[in-house]
Amino acid sequence: MKIILAGGGTGGHTFPLIAVLREIKRHSLNAVDFLYLGPNDKFAYDAFLKEGINTSFCLAGKIRRYGGFSTFIKNINDMLFVTPFGILQAFIKIYFYMPDLIFSKGGYGSFPVIIAATLLGVPVILHESDVIPGKTNRTLASFAFKIYTAFPEKNVSYFPLKKMVQTGNPIRENILNGSPQKGKEIFNLDFKKPTILFLGGSQGSVRINELIIQVAPELLKLFEIIHQSGYEDYERVKEYMKALIPEDLKQDYHLFPFLNEEEIKSAYAVSDAIVARAGAGTIFEISANGKPSILIPLPEAAQNHQLKNALTYAKLTGSAIVIEEKNLTPNFFIAELKNLFQFKNVKKLGEQAKQFSILNSAEIIAKDIIKFLES
């Protein structure tokens, strides 16, 4: 059996694909060959290389939503030249690979793959993580015979109900197995204060980094901080923190450019609360690990889907505080975080968060795919 995995190049697309392929390998009685086909992205390439999965690349055009004449020209170029050529590349690669199924996480990088697969008659399954589907999945929904959704079907717009199956968001099983003791060793914690984990997504967030720079000297009086800054902003943040944090508090601040699988599961295990963007992958990992959270949606996210994700999750669980960037001042943020620990039952909020997650989502999807392939 052969399966092509498709999706964009961010962690939000890549990690769920990895979670599902691991479960297919674990449960299938027959050998399964995988190929990742998508945009030429180092993040995805490295992640699949570690899994022993071959990667192949095709061009994929974007539709940029910000204004300006240069943007208009880029969009026209992508629509008329880049995307059609990407479809041709994908067509050739799919034709010679001859897969039994395409499993796609969406994103602009999956568009050429799904169009080419449809032209060749290869069955397509989509997974949608967000409450408001991305433009690519909305466009491609008619070509898929099944659409898995992370959020309950009644909360997800645009897709035909008869195609939708709520499975939750696939999470790497290892992410749920973190050890507080291992986390204490990795991050050199003393557990004398509550620990706050700041995440900016797989690529980091400059604006969340700016917030931490402003609030860290105050927060470190009450909390230990684990901070994932992203590679590009790491050195800048590091230099600022050297200058801003008092000497007696520096041991309570733990800065990382990126948290690998061992580190992130340990960070989840030792954290008492999490501050993060509101990408679906992050929300479902927070939920699965049973942690209360403060979610700061990315305002530029397509269709403002991060805000909708955050508000829906907060409403369904009661375990998250949602702060829009337009309201994100240092004093307001500090007050909200203090209130979380002073006036709310953090442990109970964590339990409410965990009830929302479908912990075996990747296994459910994998078994369904195997059943289809073996039927």
Protein backbone atom coordinates (compact mmCIF):
# COMPACT_ATOMS: atom_id res chain seq x y z
CA MET A 1 0.00 0.00 0.00
CA LYS A 2 1.18 3.51 -0.81
CA ILE A 3 0.07 6.78 0.79
CA ILE A 4 1.02 10.32 -0.16
CA LEU A 5 0.95 12.84 2.68
CA ALA A 6 0.26 16.44 1.68
CA GLY A 7 0.15 19.75 3.50
CA GLY A 8 1.89 23.02 4.16
CA GLY A 9 5.28 23.30 5.80
CA THR A 10 4.39 24.49 9.30
CA GLY A 11 4.32 22.38 12.44
CA GLY A 12 0.53 22.67 12.44
CA HIS A 13 0.44 20.64 9.22
CA THR A 14 3.51 18.46 9.65
CA PHE A 15 3.10 17.10 13.19
CA PRO A 16 -0.44 15.73 12.69
CA LEU A 17 0.70 13.97 9.52
CA ILE A 18 3.54 12.39 11.48
CA ALA A 19 1.16 11.35 14.26
CA VAL A 20 -1.11 9.56 11.77
CA LEU A 21 1.69 7.85 9.83
CA ARG A 22 3.14 6.49 13.09
CA GLU A 23 -0.23 4.98 13.97
CA ILE A 24 -0.70 3.51 10.48
CA LYS A 25 2.70 1.84 10.78
CA ARG A 26 1.75 0.52 14.22
CA HIS A 27 -1.65 -0.91 13.28
CA SER A 28 -1.35 -2.00 9.66
CA LEU A 29 -0.75 -5.69 9.06
CA ASN A 30 0.61 -4.90 5.62
CA ALA A 31 3.67 -2.86 4.70
CA VAL A 32 2.82 0.78 3.96
CA ASP A 33 5.05 3.05 1.91
CA PHE A 34 4.76 6.79 2.54
CA LEU A 35 5.79 9.80 0.51
CA TYR A 36 5.48 13.42 1.59
CA LEU A 37 4.66 15.66 -1.38
CA GLY A 38 4.44 19.41 -0.85
CA PRO A 39 6.30 22.73 -0.99
CA ASN A 40 10.07 22.75 -0.60
CA ASP A 41 10.25 23.46 3.12
CA LYS A 42 13.19 22.63 5.38
CA PHE A 43 11.00 22.18 8.45
CA ALA A 44 8.89 19.48 6.80
CA TYR A 45 11.93 17.89 5.14
CA ASP A 46 13.79 17.54 8.45
CA ALA A 47 10.72 16.27 10.30
CA PHE A 48 9.94 13.54 7.77
CA LEU A 49 13.61 12.62 7.39
CA LYS A 50 13.66 11.77 11.11
CA GLU A 51 10.70 9.45 10.50
CA GLY A 52 12.46 7.71 7.62
CA ILE A 53 9.92 9.06 5.13
CA ASN A 54 10.90 10.08 1.62
CA THR A 55 10.01 13.61 0.54
CA SER A 56 9.34 15.09 -2.86
CA PHE A 57 8.55 18.67 -3.69
CA CYS A 58 6.36 20.63 -6.07
CA LEU A 59 5.76 24.33 -6.52
CA ALA A 60 2.71 25.84 -4.82
CA GLY A 61 1.41 29.35 -5.32
CA LYS A 62 -0.10 31.50 -2.59
CA ILE A 63 -2.98 33.94 -2.54
CA ARG A 64 -1.74 36.77 -0.35
CA ARG A 65 -4.41 38.71 1.49
CA TYR A 66 -2.47 41.87 2.30
CA GLY A 67 -2.68 44.77 -0.16
CA GLY A 68 -0.30 46.58 -2.50
CA PHE A 69 0.57 46.48 -6.18
CA SER A 70 3.55 44.15 -5.70
CA THR A 71 1.28 41.69 -3.87
CA PHE A 72 -1.20 41.83 -6.75
CA ILE A 73 1.58 41.01 -9.23
CA LYS A 74 2.81 38.10 -7.06
CA ASN A 75 -0.72 36.70 -6.81
CA ILE A 76 -1.21 36.90 -10.58
CA ASN A 77 2.16 35.22 -11.17
CA ASP A 78 1.32 32.43 -8.72
CA MET A 79 -2.14 31.83 -10.20
CA LEU A 80 -1.07 31.88 -13.86
CA PHE A 81 2.35 30.25 -13.68
CA VAL A 82 3.50 28.84 -10.31
CA THR A 83 0.39 26.87 -9.38
CA PRO A 84 -0.22 25.36 -12.86
CA PHE A 85 3.43 24.27 -13.03
CA GLY A 86 3.13 22.83 -9.51
CA ILE A 87 0.07 20.83 -10.59
CA LEU A 88 2.08 19.47 -13.54
CA GLN A 89 4.96 18.51 -11.22
CA ALA A 90 2.56 16.82 -8.79
CA PHE A 91 0.78 15.04 -11.65
CA ILE A 92 4.03 13.49 -12.89
CA LYS A 93 5.17 12.45 -9.40
CA ILE A 94 1.80 10.96 -8.45
CA TYR A 95 1.53 9.15 -11.80
CA PHE A 96 4.86 7.37 -11.34
CA TYR A 97 4.43 6.76 -7.58
CA MET A 98 0.91 5.31 -8.06
CA PRO A 99 -0.45 5.86 -4.52
CA ASP A 100 -3.58 4.21 -3.16
CA LEU A 101 -4.59 7.32 -1.21
CA ILE A 102 -3.77 10.98 -0.61
CA PHE A 103 -4.10 12.15 3.00
CA SER A 104 -3.94 15.94 3.21
CA LYS A 105 -3.76 18.39 6.11
CA GLY A 106 -4.57 21.35 3.88
CA GLY A 107 -2.63 24.56 3.39
CA TYR A 108 -1.61 26.14 0.10
CA GLY A 109 1.07 23.48 -0.40
CA SER A 110 -1.53 20.74 -0.76
CA PHE A 111 -3.47 22.40 -3.58
CA PRO A 112 -1.38 21.15 -6.56
CA VAL A 113 -1.24 17.66 -5.03
CA ILE A 114 -5.01 17.30 -4.58
CA ILE A 115 -5.81 18.69 -8.03
CA ALA A 116 -3.32 16.34 -9.68
CA ALA A 117 -4.59 13.38 -7.63
CA THR A 118 -8.17 14.11 -8.66
CA LEU A 119 -7.18 14.24 -12.34
CA LEU A 120 -5.56 10.83 -11.91
CA GLY A 121 -8.50 9.36 -9.98
CA VAL A 122 -6.61 8.85 -6.71
CA PRO A 123 -8.90 8.93 -3.62
CA VAL A 124 -8.44 11.95 -1.33
CA ILE A 125 -9.08 12.38 2.41
CA LEU A 126 -8.76 15.79 4.07
CA HIS A 127 -8.23 16.75 7.68
CA GLU A 128 -9.32 20.18 8.90
CA SER A 129 -7.97 21.43 12.23
CA ASP A 130 -9.69 24.81 12.43
CA VAL A 131 -13.22 25.91 13.19
CA ILE A 132 -13.14 28.06 10.05
CA PRO A 133 -11.53 25.94 7.31
CA GLY A 134 -8.68 27.36 5.31
CA LYS A 135 -9.35 28.49 1.76
CA THR A 136 -7.47 25.51 0.32
CA ASN A 137 -9.53 22.89 2.15
CA ARG A 138 -12.75 24.77 1.38
CA THR A 139 -11.83 24.75 -2.30
CA LEU A 140 -10.74 21.12 -2.31
CA ALA A 141 -13.59 19.72 -0.19
CA SER A 142 -15.57 18.70 -3.27
CA PHE A 143 -12.67 16.48 -4.41
CA ALA A 144 -12.46 14.56 -1.11
CA PHE A 145 -14.67 11.61 -0.24
CA LYS A 146 -14.18 12.16 3.50
CA ILE A 147 -13.20 15.11 5.71
CA TYR A 148 -11.96 14.60 9.26
CA THR A 149 -12.50 17.58 11.58
CA ALA A 150 -10.80 18.48 14.84
CA PHE A 151 -13.67 20.50 16.29
CA PRO A 152 -17.26 19.17 16.53
CA GLU A 153 -19.02 19.18 13.17
CA LYS A 154 -21.65 21.65 14.37
CA ASN A 155 -18.90 24.23 14.95
CA VAL A 156 -17.23 23.77 11.56
CA SER A 157 -18.59 25.80 8.65
CA TYR A 158 -18.46 25.32 4.86
CA PHE A 159 -18.16 21.51 4.55
CA PRO A 160 -21.01 19.12 3.63
CA LEU A 161 -22.15 17.37 6.83
CA LYS A 162 -22.35 14.00 5.07
CA LYS A 163 -18.57 14.11 4.44
CA MET A 164 -17.51 15.23 7.92
CA VAL A 165 -16.35 12.99 10.76
CA GLN A 166 -15.08 14.53 14.01
CA THR A 167 -11.86 12.80 15.00
CA GLY A 168 -10.09 15.51 16.98
CA ASN A 169 -6.65 16.71 15.98
CA PRO A 170 -3.92 14.05 15.59
CA ILE A 171 -1.27 14.42 18.29
CA ARG A 172 2.03 12.59 18.50
CA GLU A 173 1.56 10.03 21.28
CA ASN A 174 4.96 10.85 22.78
CA ILE A 175 3.79 14.42 23.49
CA LEU A 176 1.44 13.02 26.14
CA ASN A 177 4.11 11.06 28.00
CA GLY A 178 6.18 13.82 29.55
CA SER A 179 7.70 13.35 32.98
CA PRO A 180 7.81 16.21 35.53
CA GLN A 181 11.06 14.82 36.90
CA LYS A 182 12.63 14.72 33.43
CA GLY A 183 11.36 18.23 32.82
CA LYS A 184 12.91 19.41 36.05
CA GLU A 185 16.28 18.10 34.83
CA ILE A 186 16.00 19.45 31.27
CA PHE A 187 14.95 22.95 32.31
CA ASN A 188 16.82 23.10 35.61
CA LEU A 189 13.68 23.94 37.59
CA ASP A 190 13.38 24.04 41.37
CA PHE A 191 9.56 23.90 41.56
CA LYS A 192 9.46 26.68 44.17
CA LYS A 193 7.16 28.71 41.93
CA PRO A 194 4.52 27.84 39.33
CA THR A 195 5.93 27.36 35.82
CA ILE A 196 4.55 29.19 32.78
CA LEU A 197 5.30 27.91 29.26
CA PHE A 198 5.31 30.51 26.47
CA LEU A 199 4.89 29.13 22.95
CA GLY A 200 4.84 31.04 19.68
CA GLY A 201 4.17 28.12 17.33
CA SER A 202 6.78 26.10 15.46
CA GLN A 203 8.37 29.28 14.05
CA GLY A 204 8.08 31.47 17.14
CA SER A 205 6.21 34.78 17.50
CA VAL A 206 8.04 38.12 17.56
CA ARG A 207 5.08 39.85 19.19
CA ILE A 208 4.78 37.30 21.99
CA ASN A 209 8.54 37.64 22.42
CA GLU A 210 8.08 41.41 22.75
CA LEU A 211 5.44 40.85 25.41
CA ILE A 212 7.73 38.56 27.42
CA ILE A 213 10.59 41.06 27.20
CA GLN A 214 8.29 43.64 28.78
CA VAL A 215 6.75 41.45 31.49
CA ALA A 216 9.50 38.97 32.41
CA PRO A 217 11.17 41.05 35.16
CA GLU A 218 7.78 41.34 36.92
CA LEU A 219 6.54 37.81 36.25
CA LEU A 220 9.75 36.15 37.41
CA LYS A 221 9.03 37.34 40.94
CA LEU A 222 6.11 34.91 40.97
CA PHE A 223 6.76 32.33 38.24
CA GLU A 224 9.42 30.33 36.46
CA ILE A 225 9.28 30.81 32.70
CA ILE A 226 10.04 28.41 29.85
CA HIS A 227 10.11 30.43 26.63
CA GLN A 228 10.26 29.13 23.06
CA SER A 229 11.29 32.15 21.01
CA GLY A 230 11.82 30.72 17.52
CA TYR A 231 15.24 30.52 15.86
CA GLU A 232 15.14 33.86 14.06
CA ASP A 233 14.46 35.94 17.17
CA TYR A 234 16.46 33.89 19.67
CA GLU A 235 19.67 35.96 19.79
CA ARG A 236 17.80 39.26 20.09
CA VAL A 237 15.63 37.99 22.93
CA LYS A 238 18.65 36.46 24.65
CA GLU A 239 20.52 39.79 24.68
CA TYR A 240 17.53 41.74 25.93
CA MET A 241 16.94 39.28 28.76
CA LYS A 242 20.57 39.44 29.84
CA ALA A 243 20.16 43.17 30.35
CA LEU A 244 16.62 43.25 31.76
CA ILE A 245 16.36 40.36 34.21
CA PRO A 246 17.86 40.93 37.68
CA GLU A 247 20.69 38.57 38.57
CA ASP A 248 18.76 36.86 41.37
CA LEU A 249 15.94 35.92 38.94
CA LYS A 250 17.92 34.78 35.89
CA GLN A 251 17.92 31.16 37.04
CA ASP A 252 14.11 31.17 36.73
CA TYR A 253 14.07 32.13 33.03
CA HIS A 254 14.68 29.33 30.51
CA LEU A 255 14.99 30.41 26.86
CA PHE A 256 14.97 27.98 23.90
CA PRO A 257 14.85 28.74 20.16
CA PHE A 258 12.82 25.57 19.57
CA LEU A 259 11.60 22.67 21.70
CA ASN A 260 12.16 19.24 20.18
CA GLU A 261 9.83 16.35 20.90
CA GLU A 262 11.57 15.33 24.12
CA GLU A 263 11.71 18.93 25.35
CA ILE A 264 8.16 19.93 24.46
CA LYS A 265 6.59 16.93 26.16
CA SER A 266 8.66 17.66 29.27
CA ALA A 267 7.70 21.33 29.09
CA TYR A 268 4.03 20.41 28.99
CA ALA A 269 4.51 18.05 31.93
CA VAL A 270 6.11 20.66 34.21
CA SER A 271 4.00 23.67 33.22
CA ASP A 272 1.16 24.92 35.37
CA ALA A 273 -0.24 27.13 32.60
CA ILE A 274 0.55 27.86 28.98
CA VAL A 275 0.59 31.10 27.00
CA ALA A 276 0.38 30.53 23.25
CA ARG A 277 -1.00 31.43 19.87
CA ALA A 278 -4.27 29.75 18.92
CA GLY A 279 -3.30 27.45 16.07
CA ALA A 280 -5.36 24.27 16.27
CA GLY A 281 -2.30 22.06 16.74
CA THR A 282 -1.20 24.04 19.79
CA ILE A 283 -4.71 24.17 21.27
CA PHE A 284 -5.18 20.42 21.01
CA GLU A 285 -1.76 19.68 22.50
CA ILE A 286 -2.57 22.00 25.42
CA SER A 287 -5.93 20.27 25.83
CA ALA A 288 -4.48 16.75 25.64
CA ASN A 289 -1.95 17.63 28.33
CA GLY A 290 -4.65 19.05 30.58
CA LYS A 291 -3.34 22.59 31.06
CA PRO A 292 -5.15 25.92 31.49
CA SER A 293 -4.07 28.51 28.98
CA ILE A 294 -3.99 32.09 27.86
CA LEU A 295 -4.46 32.20 24.10
CA ILE A 296 -3.33 35.15 21.98
CA PRO A 297 -4.72 34.61 18.45
CA LEU A 298 -2.64 35.75 15.50
CA PRO A 299 -4.73 38.60 14.01
CA GLU A 300 -3.35 38.08 10.49
CA ALA A 301 -4.43 34.41 10.39
CA ALA A 302 -6.56 33.63 7.33
CA GLN A 303 -10.28 34.24 7.94
CA ASN A 304 -9.22 35.17 11.50
CA HIS A 305 -9.42 31.43 12.21
CA GLN A 306 -7.17 31.56 15.27
CA LEU A 307 -9.57 33.89 17.07
CA LYS A 308 -12.49 31.60 16.21
CA ASN A 309 -10.49 28.55 17.36
CA ALA A 310 -9.66 30.24 20.66
CA LEU A 311 -13.17 31.51 21.37
CA THR A 312 -14.76 28.15 20.51
CA TYR A 313 -12.26 26.24 22.67
CA ALA A 314 -12.68 28.68 25.57
CA LYS A 315 -16.47 28.40 25.37
CA LEU A 316 -16.50 24.60 25.16
CA THR A 317 -13.98 24.00 27.96
CA GLY A 318 -13.92 27.07 30.19
CA SER A 319 -10.19 26.44 30.57
CA ALA A 320 -8.75 29.23 28.42
CA ILE A 321 -8.52 33.01 28.59
CA VAL A 322 -8.53 34.67 25.18
CA ILE A 323 -6.72 37.99 24.75
CA GLU A 324 -6.76 39.67 21.37
CA GLU A 325 -3.59 41.50 20.40
CA LYS A 326 -5.39 44.84 20.31
CA ASN A 327 -6.02 44.43 24.06
CA LEU A 328 -2.61 42.96 24.87
CA THR A 329 -0.90 45.45 27.15
CA PRO A 330 1.76 44.32 29.65
CA ASN A 331 -0.27 45.41 32.68
CA PHE A 332 -3.45 43.71 31.47
CA PHE A 333 -1.59 40.49 30.68
CA ILE A 334 0.13 40.41 34.07
CA ALA A 335 -3.20 41.01 35.81
CA GLU A 336 -4.88 38.16 33.89
CA LEU A 337 -2.08 35.73 34.67
CA LYS A 338 -2.08 36.65 38.36
CA ASN A 339 -5.86 36.32 38.53
CA LEU A 340 -5.64 32.87 36.97
CA PHE A 341 -3.53 31.62 39.87
CA GLN A 342 -5.09 33.68 42.68
CA PHE A 343 -8.80 33.29 42.01
CA LYS A 344 -9.24 30.14 39.92
CA ASN A 345 -8.69 26.43 40.51
CA VAL A 346 -5.85 25.78 38.07
CA LYS A 347 -6.02 22.00 38.53
CA LYS A 348 -9.75 21.92 37.79
CA LEU A 349 -9.26 24.06 34.69
CA GLY A 350 -6.68 21.56 33.49
CA GLU A 351 -9.15 18.71 33.94
CA GLN A 352 -11.75 20.64 31.93
CA ALA A 353 -9.19 21.17 29.17
CA LYS A 354 -8.35 17.48 29.00
CA GLN A 355 -11.99 16.41 28.67
CA PHE A 356 -12.18 18.27 25.35
CA SER A 357 -9.37 16.39 23.62
CA ILE A 358 -9.76 13.12 21.72
CA LEU A 359 -6.49 11.59 22.88
CA ASN A 360 -6.48 8.75 20.33
CA SER A 361 -7.33 10.95 17.34
CA ALA A 362 -4.33 9.77 15.30
CA GLU A 363 -5.23 6.13 16.00
CA ILE A 364 -8.88 6.68 14.96
CA ILE A 365 -7.80 8.23 11.66
CA ALA A 366 -5.13 5.60 11.05
CA LYS A 367 -7.52 2.69 11.57
CA ASP A 368 -10.11 4.29 9.31
CA ILE A 369 -7.51 4.77 6.56
CA ILE A 370 -6.28 1.19 6.94
CA LYS A 371 -9.89 -0.09 6.75
CA PHE A 372 -10.41 1.85 3.51
CA LEU A 373 -7.16 0.62 1.97
CA GLU A 374 -7.79 -3.01 2.89
CA SER A 375 -11.44 -3.08 1.81
